[in-house]
């Protein structure tokens, strides 16, 4: 996170602390209903970050970043994180029901 001169001293100190940045990220994702990808190729995020995001109320998805048939995997890392972090069905993002509005419509100008 880039810290600008316009930020107060307290904010500058807060965002120089990686745990504070992680908590702020988790809280922002949860507040805005943004799903967090568990990426198999890059093995991200870490188990500790997933647990922090879970505690904040975030939802998760799986991703692979496959580039071709030779690197198709089975989401081994993501499945390991499910077990290690105690993730279950309520922790995963699901598409909106038919007739529901998009996030941009629900949040109005906040996302524009």
Protein backbone atom coordinates (compact mmCIF):
# COMPACT_ATOMS: atom_id res chain seq x y z
CA UNK A 1 0.00 0.00 0.00
CA UNK A 2 1.40 3.34 -1.01
CA UNK A 3 1.37 5.95 1.72
CA UNK A 4 0.88 9.50 0.53
CA UNK A 5 1.82 12.79 2.19
CA UNK A 6 -1.85 13.61 2.63
CA UNK A 7 -2.24 10.81 5.18
CA UNK A 8 -1.91 11.78 8.82
CA UNK A 9 0.94 10.55 10.98
CA UNK A 10 -1.23 7.95 12.71
CA UNK A 11 -2.27 6.47 9.36
CA UNK A 12 1.31 6.47 8.12
CA UNK A 13 2.41 4.49 11.18
CA UNK A 14 -0.55 2.17 10.98
CA UNK A 15 0.12 1.25 7.35
CA UNK A 16 3.80 0.62 7.95
CA UNK A 17 2.67 -2.36 10.05
CA UNK A 18 1.98 -5.39 7.79
CA UNK A 19 -0.58 -6.85 10.22
CA UNK A 20 -2.51 -3.57 10.25
CA UNK A 21 -2.52 -3.56 6.45
CA UNK A 22 -3.73 -7.18 6.39
CA UNK A 23 -6.55 -6.38 8.84
CA UNK A 24 -7.57 -3.27 6.88
CA UNK A 25 -7.60 -5.31 3.66
CA UNK A 26 -9.69 -8.06 5.26
CA UNK A 27 -12.17 -5.60 6.71
CA UNK A 28 -12.51 -3.73 3.41
CA UNK A 29 -13.07 -6.96 1.46
CA UNK A 30 -15.69 -8.17 3.93
CA UNK A 31 -17.48 -4.81 4.10
CA UNK A 32 -17.70 -4.59 0.31
CA UNK A 33 -18.57 -8.27 -0.32
CA UNK A 34 -15.37 -8.87 -2.29
CA UNK A 35 -14.38 -12.52 -2.60
CA UNK A 36 -10.77 -13.54 -1.94
CA UNK A 37 -9.15 -15.91 -4.43
CA UNK A 38 -7.13 -18.84 -3.09
CA UNK A 39 -4.65 -19.27 -5.93
CA UNK A 40 -3.25 -22.71 -6.64
CA UNK A 41 -0.40 -21.66 -8.94
CA UNK A 42 1.12 -19.01 -6.68
CA UNK A 43 0.01 -20.60 -3.40
CA UNK A 44 -1.55 -17.36 -2.19
CA UNK A 45 -2.75 -16.15 0.21
CA UNK A 46 -1.03 -17.81 3.16
CA UNK A 47 -2.95 -19.82 5.72
CA UNK A 48 -2.54 -17.06 8.31
CA UNK A 49 -3.97 -14.46 5.93
CA UNK A 50 -6.86 -16.76 4.99
CA UNK A 51 -7.67 -17.23 8.68
CA UNK A 52 -7.58 -13.46 9.22
CA UNK A 53 -9.86 -12.93 6.20
CA UNK A 54 -12.21 -15.67 7.41
CA UNK A 55 -12.45 -14.04 10.85
CA UNK A 56 -13.35 -10.74 9.16
CA UNK A 57 -16.22 -12.46 7.33
CA UNK A 58 -14.73 -12.68 3.84
CA UNK A 59 -15.87 -15.18 1.23
CA UNK A 60 -13.44 -17.21 -0.87
CA UNK A 61 -13.06 -18.61 -4.40
CA UNK A 62 -10.52 -20.94 -6.03
CA UNK A 63 -8.24 -19.84 -8.86
CA UNK A 64 -5.49 -21.56 -10.83
CA UNK A 65 -3.93 -19.11 -13.32
CA UNK A 66 -3.58 -21.97 -15.78
CA UNK A 67 -1.92 -20.98 -19.03
CA UNK A 68 -2.39 -24.19 -20.96
CA UNK A 69 -3.16 -27.88 -20.89
CA UNK A 70 0.28 -28.72 -19.43
CA UNK A 71 -0.28 -26.90 -16.15
CA UNK A 72 -3.87 -27.81 -15.31
CA UNK A 73 -3.99 -28.78 -11.68
CA UNK A 74 -6.63 -29.91 -9.26
CA UNK A 75 -6.52 -26.96 -6.86
CA UNK A 76 -4.30 -28.91 -4.48
CA UNK A 77 -3.18 -25.80 -2.57
CA UNK A 78 -6.71 -24.45 -2.27
CA UNK A 79 -7.99 -27.78 -0.99
CA UNK A 80 -5.11 -27.90 1.53
CA UNK A 81 -6.11 -24.41 2.72
CA UNK A 82 -9.75 -25.53 3.11
CA UNK A 83 -8.60 -28.20 5.57
CA UNK A 84 -5.92 -26.14 7.29
CA UNK A 85 -8.10 -23.05 7.75
CA UNK A 86 -11.37 -24.80 8.53
CA UNK A 87 -13.23 -23.39 5.53
CA UNK A 88 -16.68 -24.74 4.79
CA UNK A 89 -19.56 -24.07 2.43
CA UNK A 90 -20.65 -20.83 4.17
CA UNK A 91 -17.16 -19.39 3.58
CA UNK A 92 -17.39 -19.55 -0.22
CA UNK A 93 -18.75 -16.99 -2.64
CA UNK A 94 -21.72 -18.06 -4.73
CA UNK A 95 -23.20 -16.21 -7.71
CA UNK A 96 -26.24 -14.00 -7.19
CA UNK A 97 -29.68 -15.52 -7.53
CA UNK A 98 -31.63 -14.87 -10.71
CA UNK A 99 -33.09 -11.37 -10.56
CA UNK A 100 -30.56 -10.06 -8.04
CA UNK A 101 -28.68 -6.89 -8.85
CA UNK A 102 -24.96 -6.49 -9.42
CA UNK A 103 -22.75 -5.08 -6.66
CA UNK A 104 -22.33 -1.84 -8.60
CA UNK A 105 -26.12 -1.40 -8.53
CA UNK A 106 -26.43 -2.23 -4.82
CA UNK A 107 -23.53 0.05 -3.78
CA UNK A 108 -24.47 2.99 -6.00
CA UNK A 109 -21.74 5.60 -6.40
CA UNK A 110 -19.44 3.89 -3.88
CA UNK A 111 -18.00 1.64 -6.59
CA UNK A 112 -17.93 4.13 -9.46
